[in-house]
Amino acid sequence: MAEIDTAMSSEPPVAEIDTAISSEPLDTGAIIGRAGTIETGGIGVFVGTVRATPSAGGRANATVTHLDYEAHPTLAEQRLRELAGEAAEKWGLQRVVAVHRTGRCEVGEPTVVLACSAPHRAEALDACRWLIDEIKRDVPIWKKEHYSHGSAWI
């Protein structure tokens, strides 16, 4: 009878990282669908959308008509990938899918979709929350809000 090797590897499995900066509308379902594996117990998801209410720093009492996102594509993609890798390592994720939109985005349209899969929901949700906060803080993507009378970079 052959002996079975039961030694455990001390190295955690490497997560799959799937990131993009896209000028095309985002297909939320397709992006989330790329996150799961047969070992996934939970997928944490964040979908950011354009709201009609101005951001902090926008015009008070104005209504947003649309947004324009600009990015330094190479640097933004690189930093997005690095942050996704950090999240995967910190929370033991299986896959991280992170896609951010550039160009004109209408009210209600998704602008960023994140999906983090893990064996358990808590890690997936915690990683997703951390990742969106870091993306907003550290990825070179800029947002311009447009109103019926003017616009402002946020």
N, C-alpha and C. Protein backbone atom coordinates (compact mmCIF):
# COMPACT_ATOMS: atom_id res chain seq x y z
N MET A 1 0.85 -1.17 0.00
CA MET A 1 0.00 0.00 0.00
C MET A 1 0.89 1.23 0.00
N ALA A 2 0.60 2.16 -0.87
CA ALA A 2 1.40 3.38 -0.98
C ALA A 2 1.13 4.29 0.21
N GLU A 3 2.17 4.95 0.67
CA GLU A 3 2.03 5.87 1.79
C GLU A 3 1.54 7.23 1.27
N ILE A 4 0.63 7.83 2.00
CA ILE A 4 0.10 9.13 1.61
C ILE A 4 0.87 10.21 2.35
N ASP A 5 1.30 11.22 1.62
CA ASP A 5 2.03 12.34 2.22
C ASP A 5 1.02 13.29 2.85
N THR A 6 1.06 13.35 4.17
CA THR A 6 0.11 14.21 4.88
C THR A 6 0.75 15.51 5.36
N ALA A 7 1.98 15.76 4.96
CA ALA A 7 2.66 16.99 5.38
C ALA A 7 1.91 18.19 4.79
N MET A 8 1.69 19.18 5.60
CA MET A 8 0.99 20.39 5.15
C MET A 8 2.03 21.41 4.70
N SER A 9 1.74 22.10 3.66
CA SER A 9 2.60 23.17 3.20
C SER A 9 2.44 24.36 4.13
N SER A 10 3.55 25.01 4.46
CA SER A 10 3.47 26.19 5.31
C SER A 10 3.12 27.44 4.50
N GLU A 11 3.17 27.33 3.21
CA GLU A 11 2.85 28.45 2.34
C GLU A 11 1.35 28.48 2.04
N PRO A 12 0.69 29.63 2.26
CA PRO A 12 -0.72 29.71 1.90
C PRO A 12 -0.87 29.69 0.37
N PRO A 13 -2.01 29.21 -0.12
CA PRO A 13 -2.20 29.23 -1.58
C PRO A 13 -2.19 30.67 -2.10
N VAL A 14 -1.73 30.82 -3.30
CA VAL A 14 -1.66 32.15 -3.91
C VAL A 14 -3.02 32.47 -4.53
N ALA A 15 -3.55 33.63 -4.18
CA ALA A 15 -4.85 34.05 -4.71
C ALA A 15 -4.72 34.48 -6.16
N GLU A 16 -5.79 34.32 -6.89
CA GLU A 16 -5.86 34.84 -8.25
C GLU A 16 -6.30 36.30 -8.18
N ILE A 17 -5.58 37.16 -8.87
CA ILE A 17 -5.85 38.59 -8.88
C ILE A 17 -6.28 38.98 -10.30
N ASP A 18 -7.41 39.63 -10.40
CA ASP A 18 -7.99 40.03 -11.69
C ASP A 18 -8.41 41.49 -11.56
N THR A 19 -7.63 42.40 -12.12
CA THR A 19 -7.92 43.83 -11.99
C THR A 19 -7.92 44.50 -13.36
N ALA A 20 -8.64 45.61 -13.45
CA ALA A 20 -8.67 46.35 -14.71
C ALA A 20 -9.16 47.77 -14.47
N ILE A 21 -8.69 48.65 -15.33
CA ILE A 21 -9.23 49.99 -15.48
C ILE A 21 -9.93 49.95 -16.83
N SER A 22 -11.23 50.26 -16.85
CA SER A 22 -12.01 50.07 -18.07
C SER A 22 -12.73 51.34 -18.49
N SER A 23 -12.68 51.62 -19.76
CA SER A 23 -13.44 52.76 -20.30
C SER A 23 -14.83 52.31 -20.77
N GLU A 24 -15.11 51.03 -20.67
CA GLU A 24 -16.40 50.47 -21.08
C GLU A 24 -17.33 50.33 -19.87
N PRO A 25 -18.65 50.36 -20.07
CA PRO A 25 -19.58 50.11 -18.96
C PRO A 25 -19.27 48.78 -18.29
N LEU A 26 -19.49 48.74 -16.97
CA LEU A 26 -19.15 47.55 -16.19
C LEU A 26 -20.34 46.59 -16.11
N ASP A 27 -20.07 45.31 -16.37
CA ASP A 27 -21.06 44.25 -16.23
C ASP A 27 -20.89 43.66 -14.84
N THR A 28 -21.67 44.17 -13.89
CA THR A 28 -21.53 43.80 -12.49
C THR A 28 -21.62 42.29 -12.28
N GLY A 29 -22.62 41.66 -12.84
CA GLY A 29 -22.80 40.22 -12.66
C GLY A 29 -21.62 39.41 -13.18
N ALA A 30 -21.11 39.78 -14.34
CA ALA A 30 -19.98 39.06 -14.91
C ALA A 30 -18.72 39.22 -14.05
N ILE A 31 -18.51 40.43 -13.54
CA ILE A 31 -17.33 40.69 -12.70
C ILE A 31 -17.43 39.87 -11.41
N ILE A 32 -18.57 39.90 -10.76
CA ILE A 32 -18.76 39.12 -9.53
C ILE A 32 -18.61 37.63 -9.81
N GLY A 33 -19.12 37.19 -10.94
CA GLY A 33 -19.05 35.79 -11.32
C GLY A 33 -17.63 35.27 -11.48
N ARG A 34 -16.68 36.13 -11.73
CA ARG A 34 -15.28 35.72 -11.88
C ARG A 34 -14.60 35.46 -10.53
N ALA A 35 -15.26 35.79 -9.42
CA ALA A 35 -14.61 35.73 -8.11
C ALA A 35 -14.66 34.36 -7.43
N GLY A 36 -15.65 33.57 -7.71
CA GLY A 36 -15.83 32.33 -6.95
C GLY A 36 -14.97 31.18 -7.42
N THR A 37 -14.72 30.24 -6.51
CA THR A 37 -14.06 28.97 -6.80
C THR A 37 -14.91 27.88 -6.16
N ILE A 38 -14.55 26.62 -6.37
CA ILE A 38 -15.30 25.54 -5.74
C ILE A 38 -15.05 25.47 -4.24
N GLU A 39 -14.05 26.20 -3.75
CA GLU A 39 -13.74 26.24 -2.33
C GLU A 39 -14.30 27.48 -1.64
N THR A 40 -14.95 28.34 -2.38
CA THR A 40 -15.43 29.61 -1.84
C THR A 40 -16.64 29.40 -0.92
N GLY A 41 -16.55 30.02 0.25
CA GLY A 41 -17.68 30.00 1.18
C GLY A 41 -18.41 31.33 1.19
N GLY A 42 -17.74 32.39 0.71
CA GLY A 42 -18.37 33.69 0.66
C GLY A 42 -17.66 34.62 -0.30
N ILE A 43 -18.43 35.46 -0.94
CA ILE A 43 -17.87 36.50 -1.82
C ILE A 43 -18.34 37.84 -1.29
N GLY A 44 -17.39 38.66 -0.86
CA GLY A 44 -17.70 40.02 -0.44
C GLY A 44 -17.73 40.90 -1.68
N VAL A 45 -18.76 41.72 -1.81
CA VAL A 45 -18.93 42.53 -3.02
C VAL A 45 -19.16 43.98 -2.64
N PHE A 46 -18.54 44.87 -3.41
CA PHE A 46 -18.85 46.29 -3.32
C PHE A 46 -19.06 46.79 -4.73
N VAL A 47 -20.17 47.50 -4.94
CA VAL A 47 -20.45 48.14 -6.22
C VAL A 47 -20.67 49.61 -5.95
N GLY A 48 -19.78 50.45 -6.45
CA GLY A 48 -19.94 51.89 -6.33
C GLY A 48 -20.70 52.41 -7.54
N THR A 49 -21.66 53.30 -7.30
CA THR A 49 -22.46 53.83 -8.40
C THR A 49 -22.48 55.35 -8.35
N VAL A 50 -22.85 55.95 -9.44
CA VAL A 50 -22.99 57.41 -9.51
C VAL A 50 -24.29 57.79 -8.83
N ARG A 51 -24.19 58.70 -7.87
CA ARG A 51 -25.39 59.19 -7.18
C ARG A 51 -25.67 60.62 -7.61
N ALA A 52 -26.91 61.03 -7.49
CA ALA A 52 -27.32 62.38 -7.89
C ALA A 52 -26.89 63.43 -6.88
N THR A 53 -26.60 63.01 -5.65
CA THR A 53 -26.18 63.94 -4.60
C THR A 53 -24.69 64.20 -4.72
N PRO A 54 -24.25 65.45 -4.68
CA PRO A 54 -22.82 65.75 -4.79
C PRO A 54 -22.00 65.14 -3.64
N SER A 55 -20.75 64.82 -3.94
CA SER A 55 -19.80 64.34 -2.94
C SER A 55 -19.43 65.49 -2.02
N ALA A 56 -18.80 65.15 -0.90
CA ALA A 56 -18.23 66.19 -0.04
C ALA A 56 -17.24 66.96 -0.90
N GLY A 57 -17.30 68.24 -0.88
CA GLY A 57 -16.44 69.05 -1.73
C GLY A 57 -17.13 69.46 -3.03
N GLY A 58 -18.29 68.85 -3.30
CA GLY A 58 -19.06 69.23 -4.48
C GLY A 58 -19.93 70.43 -4.17
N ARG A 59 -20.80 70.77 -5.07
CA ARG A 59 -21.67 71.93 -4.87
C ARG A 59 -22.87 71.58 -4.03
N ALA A 60 -23.02 72.29 -2.92
CA ALA A 60 -24.18 72.08 -2.06
C ALA A 60 -25.45 72.45 -2.82
N ASN A 61 -26.51 71.75 -2.57
CA ASN A 61 -27.82 72.00 -3.18
C ASN A 61 -27.83 71.84 -4.70
N ALA A 62 -26.84 71.15 -5.24
CA ALA A 62 -26.82 70.88 -6.69
C ALA A 62 -27.21 69.43 -6.91
N THR A 63 -27.53 69.09 -8.13
CA THR A 63 -27.80 67.71 -8.51
C THR A 63 -26.75 67.28 -9.53
N VAL A 64 -26.16 66.12 -9.29
CA VAL A 64 -25.15 65.59 -10.21
C VAL A 64 -25.87 65.07 -11.46
N THR A 65 -25.39 65.46 -12.62
CA THR A 65 -25.95 64.96 -13.88
C THR A 65 -25.17 63.76 -14.40
N HIS A 66 -23.85 63.76 -14.18
CA HIS A 66 -22.99 62.64 -14.55
C HIS A 66 -21.60 62.88 -13.97
N LEU A 67 -20.74 61.87 -14.06
CA LEU A 67 -19.35 61.98 -13.61
C LEU A 67 -18.43 61.67 -14.78
N ASP A 68 -17.24 62.22 -14.70
CA ASP A 68 -16.16 61.83 -15.60
C ASP A 68 -15.02 61.34 -14.71
N TYR A 69 -14.51 60.14 -15.00
CA TYR A 69 -13.35 59.61 -14.29
C TYR A 69 -12.17 59.62 -15.23
N GLU A 70 -11.04 60.07 -14.71
CA GLU A 70 -9.78 60.01 -15.44
C GLU A 70 -8.79 59.25 -14.58
N ALA A 71 -7.85 58.59 -15.24
CA ALA A 71 -6.85 57.82 -14.51
C ALA A 71 -5.54 57.85 -15.28
N HIS A 72 -4.48 57.63 -14.56
CA HIS A 72 -3.20 57.33 -15.20
C HIS A 72 -3.24 55.82 -15.39
N PRO A 73 -3.55 55.34 -16.60
CA PRO A 73 -3.89 53.93 -16.78
C PRO A 73 -2.83 52.95 -16.27
N THR A 74 -1.58 53.16 -16.60
CA THR A 74 -0.54 52.23 -16.18
C THR A 74 -0.36 52.23 -14.67
N LEU A 75 -0.26 53.42 -14.08
CA LEU A 75 -0.07 53.50 -12.63
C LEU A 75 -1.31 53.06 -11.87
N ALA A 76 -2.48 53.42 -12.36
CA ALA A 76 -3.73 53.02 -11.69
C ALA A 76 -3.88 51.50 -11.70
N GLU A 77 -3.64 50.88 -12.84
CA GLU A 77 -3.74 49.42 -12.93
C GLU A 77 -2.71 48.75 -12.03
N GLN A 78 -1.50 49.26 -12.01
CA GLN A 78 -0.44 48.69 -11.17
C GLN A 78 -0.81 48.79 -9.69
N ARG A 79 -1.28 49.97 -9.26
CA ARG A 79 -1.61 50.15 -7.84
C ARG A 79 -2.84 49.34 -7.45
N LEU A 80 -3.82 49.26 -8.35
CA LEU A 80 -5.01 48.45 -8.11
C LEU A 80 -4.62 46.99 -7.90
N ARG A 81 -3.74 46.50 -8.73
CA ARG A 81 -3.26 45.11 -8.62
C ARG A 81 -2.50 44.89 -7.31
N GLU A 82 -1.64 45.85 -6.94
CA GLU A 82 -0.89 45.73 -5.69
C GLU A 82 -1.84 45.68 -4.48
N LEU A 83 -2.82 46.56 -4.46
CA LEU A 83 -3.78 46.58 -3.35
C LEU A 83 -4.60 45.29 -3.29
N ALA A 84 -5.00 44.78 -4.45
CA ALA A 84 -5.73 43.51 -4.48
C ALA A 84 -4.87 42.39 -3.91
N GLY A 85 -3.59 42.39 -4.25
CA GLY A 85 -2.67 41.40 -3.71
C GLY A 85 -2.50 41.53 -2.20
N GLU A 86 -2.43 42.76 -1.72
CA GLU A 86 -2.33 43.00 -0.27
C GLU A 86 -3.57 42.46 0.44
N ALA A 87 -4.74 42.74 -0.11
CA ALA A 87 -5.98 42.24 0.48
C ALA A 87 -5.99 40.71 0.51
N ALA A 88 -5.58 40.10 -0.59
CA ALA A 88 -5.56 38.64 -0.68
C ALA A 88 -4.65 38.05 0.39
N GLU A 89 -3.51 38.66 0.57
CA GLU A 89 -2.56 38.15 1.56
C GLU A 89 -3.07 38.36 2.99
N LYS A 90 -3.57 39.55 3.28
CA LYS A 90 -4.05 39.87 4.64
C LYS A 90 -5.20 38.99 5.10
N TRP A 91 -6.12 38.68 4.18
CA TRP A 91 -7.33 37.96 4.56
C TRP A 91 -7.39 36.53 4.01
N GLY A 92 -6.33 36.05 3.41
CA GLY A 92 -6.32 34.67 2.90
C GLY A 92 -7.37 34.43 1.84
N LEU A 93 -7.49 35.37 0.91
CA LEU A 93 -8.52 35.28 -0.13
C LEU A 93 -8.14 34.28 -1.21
N GLN A 94 -9.16 33.81 -1.91
CA GLN A 94 -8.96 32.91 -3.03
C GLN A 94 -8.83 33.67 -4.34
N ARG A 95 -9.72 34.62 -4.54
CA ARG A 95 -9.67 35.47 -5.73
C ARG A 95 -10.07 36.89 -5.35
N VAL A 96 -9.49 37.84 -6.06
CA VAL A 96 -9.88 39.24 -5.93
C VAL A 96 -10.10 39.76 -7.34
N VAL A 97 -11.28 40.29 -7.58
CA VAL A 97 -11.59 40.92 -8.86
C VAL A 97 -11.93 42.38 -8.55
N ALA A 98 -11.22 43.30 -9.20
CA ALA A 98 -11.42 44.73 -8.95
C ALA A 98 -11.36 45.46 -10.29
N VAL A 99 -12.46 46.11 -10.66
CA VAL A 99 -12.52 46.83 -11.93
C VAL A 99 -13.05 48.23 -11.65
N HIS A 100 -12.33 49.24 -12.14
CA HIS A 100 -12.75 50.64 -11.98
C HIS A 100 -12.96 51.24 -13.35
N ARG A 101 -13.99 52.01 -13.45
CA ARG A 101 -14.40 52.66 -14.69
C ARG A 101 -13.67 53.98 -14.90
N THR A 102 -13.45 54.35 -16.14
CA THR A 102 -13.03 55.69 -16.52
C THR A 102 -14.00 56.19 -17.58
N GLY A 103 -13.93 57.49 -17.85
CA GLY A 103 -14.82 58.08 -18.85
C GLY A 103 -16.11 58.58 -18.21
N ARG A 104 -17.07 58.86 -19.08
CA ARG A 104 -18.35 59.42 -18.63
C ARG A 104 -19.22 58.32 -18.03
N CYS A 105 -19.78 58.60 -16.84
CA CYS A 105 -20.65 57.66 -16.14
C CYS A 105 -21.93 58.39 -15.74
N GLU A 106 -23.05 57.83 -16.08
CA GLU A 106 -24.35 58.43 -15.80
C GLU A 106 -24.83 58.07 -14.40
N VAL A 107 -25.75 58.87 -13.86
CA VAL A 107 -26.34 58.60 -12.55
C VAL A 107 -26.93 57.19 -12.55
N GLY A 108 -26.60 56.42 -11.51
CA GLY A 108 -27.06 55.05 -11.37
C GLY A 108 -26.10 54.01 -11.94
N GLU A 109 -25.16 54.44 -12.74
CA GLU A 109 -24.24 53.51 -13.40
C GLU A 109 -23.12 53.06 -12.44
N PRO A 110 -22.73 51.77 -12.49
CA PRO A 110 -21.61 51.32 -11.66
C PRO A 110 -20.29 51.92 -12.14
N THR A 111 -19.48 52.33 -11.16
CA THR A 111 -18.17 52.92 -11.49
C THR A 111 -17.02 52.07 -10.98
N VAL A 112 -17.28 51.25 -9.97
CA VAL A 112 -16.26 50.34 -9.45
C VAL A 112 -16.97 49.09 -8.94
N VAL A 113 -16.39 47.93 -9.26
CA VAL A 113 -16.93 46.66 -8.78
C VAL A 113 -15.78 45.87 -8.19
N LEU A 114 -15.96 45.45 -6.93
CA LEU A 114 -14.97 44.64 -6.23
C LEU A 114 -15.64 43.35 -5.79
N ALA A 115 -14.94 42.24 -5.93
CA ALA A 115 -15.43 40.96 -5.45
C ALA A 115 -14.26 40.19 -4.86
N CYS A 116 -14.36 39.85 -3.58
CA CYS A 116 -13.30 39.14 -2.86
C CYS A 116 -13.86 37.82 -2.38
N SER A 117 -13.26 36.70 -2.79
CA SER A 117 -13.76 35.40 -2.34
C SER A 117 -12.81 34.79 -1.32
N ALA A 118 -13.43 34.08 -0.37
CA ALA A 118 -12.68 33.45 0.72
C ALA A 118 -13.45 32.23 1.19
N PRO A 119 -12.80 31.37 1.96
CA PRO A 119 -13.51 30.22 2.50
C PRO A 119 -14.67 30.62 3.41
N HIS A 120 -14.57 31.78 4.05
CA HIS A 120 -15.59 32.23 4.99
C HIS A 120 -15.97 33.69 4.71
N ARG A 121 -17.20 34.05 5.00
CA ARG A 121 -17.73 35.37 4.65
C ARG A 121 -17.03 36.53 5.35
N ALA A 122 -16.66 36.35 6.61
CA ALA A 122 -16.08 37.47 7.36
C ALA A 122 -14.83 38.02 6.67
N GLU A 123 -13.95 37.14 6.24
CA GLU A 123 -12.72 37.58 5.58
C GLU A 123 -13.04 38.26 4.25
N ALA A 124 -13.99 37.71 3.50
CA ALA A 124 -14.37 38.29 2.21
C ALA A 124 -14.93 39.70 2.38
N LEU A 125 -15.79 39.86 3.37
CA LEU A 125 -16.41 41.18 3.61
C LEU A 125 -15.40 42.19 4.15
N ASP A 126 -14.57 41.77 5.10
CA ASP A 126 -13.56 42.67 5.66
C ASP A 126 -12.58 43.13 4.59
N ALA A 127 -12.16 42.20 3.74
CA ALA A 127 -11.21 42.53 2.68
C ALA A 127 -11.82 43.52 1.69
N CYS A 128 -13.08 43.31 1.35
CA CYS A 128 -13.75 44.18 0.39
C CYS A 128 -13.84 45.61 0.93
N ARG A 129 -14.20 45.74 2.20
CA ARG A 129 -14.30 47.07 2.83
C ARG A 129 -12.95 47.77 2.82
N TRP A 130 -11.91 47.05 3.23
CA TRP A 130 -10.56 47.61 3.26
C TRP A 130 -10.13 48.02 1.84
N LEU A 131 -10.39 47.16 0.88
CA LEU A 131 -9.94 47.40 -0.49
C LEU A 131 -10.56 48.67 -1.08
N ILE A 132 -11.85 48.88 -0.92
CA ILE A 132 -12.46 50.09 -1.50
C ILE A 132 -11.90 51.34 -0.83
N ASP A 133 -11.69 51.29 0.48
CA ASP A 133 -11.12 52.45 1.16
C ASP A 133 -9.72 52.76 0.66
N GLU A 134 -8.91 51.75 0.43
CA GLU A 134 -7.54 51.95 -0.06
C GLU A 134 -7.54 52.42 -1.52
N ILE A 135 -8.44 51.90 -2.32
CA ILE A 135 -8.53 52.34 -3.73
C ILE A 135 -8.85 53.83 -3.78
N LYS A 136 -9.84 54.24 -3.01
CA LYS A 136 -10.23 55.66 -3.01
C LYS A 136 -9.11 56.55 -2.51
N ARG A 137 -8.31 56.03 -1.58
CA ARG A 137 -7.23 56.81 -0.98
C ARG A 137 -5.97 56.84 -1.85
N ASP A 138 -5.69 55.77 -2.59
CA ASP A 138 -4.34 55.60 -3.10
C ASP A 138 -4.19 55.31 -4.59
N VAL A 139 -5.25 55.08 -5.32
CA VAL A 139 -5.12 54.77 -6.75
C VAL A 139 -5.30 56.06 -7.55
N PRO A 140 -4.40 56.32 -8.51
CA PRO A 140 -4.49 57.58 -9.27
C PRO A 140 -5.66 57.60 -10.27
N ILE A 141 -6.85 57.79 -9.70
CA ILE A 141 -8.09 57.95 -10.47
C ILE A 141 -8.75 59.21 -9.93
N TRP A 142 -9.19 60.09 -10.86
CA TRP A 142 -9.76 61.36 -10.46
C TRP A 142 -11.19 61.46 -10.97
N LYS A 143 -12.04 62.10 -10.15
CA LYS A 143 -13.47 62.20 -10.45
C LYS A 143 -13.87 63.66 -10.63
N LYS A 144 -14.57 63.93 -11.70
CA LYS A 144 -15.15 65.25 -11.94
C LYS A 144 -16.66 65.11 -11.92
N GLU A 145 -17.30 65.87 -11.02
CA GLU A 145 -18.76 65.88 -10.95
C GLU A 145 -19.29 66.98 -11.85
N HIS A 146 -20.32 66.63 -12.59
CA HIS A 146 -20.99 67.61 -13.45
C HIS A 146 -22.39 67.85 -12.91
N TYR A 147 -22.79 69.12 -12.90
CA TYR A 147 -24.09 69.55 -12.40
C TYR A 147 -24.80 70.27 -13.55
N SER A 148 -26.05 70.61 -13.35
CA SER A 148 -26.77 71.33 -14.40
C SER A 148 -26.12 72.68 -14.71
N HIS A 149 -25.43 73.26 -13.72
CA HIS A 149 -24.75 74.54 -13.92
C HIS A 149 -23.31 74.44 -13.41
N GLY A 150 -22.44 73.81 -14.20
CA GLY A 150 -21.02 73.74 -13.85
C GLY A 150 -20.55 72.36 -13.46
N SER A 151 -19.31 72.32 -12.99
CA SER A 151 -18.68 71.06 -12.60
C SER A 151 -17.59 71.32 -11.59
N ALA A 152 -17.10 70.25 -10.93
CA ALA A 152 -16.02 70.37 -9.95
C ALA A 152 -15.24 69.06 -9.88
N TRP A 153 -13.91 69.17 -9.79
CA TRP A 153 -13.08 67.99 -9.54
C TRP A 153 -13.19 67.66 -8.07
N ILE A 154 -13.38 66.39 -7.77
CA ILE A 154 -13.52 65.95 -6.38
C ILE A 154 -12.31 65.10 -6.01
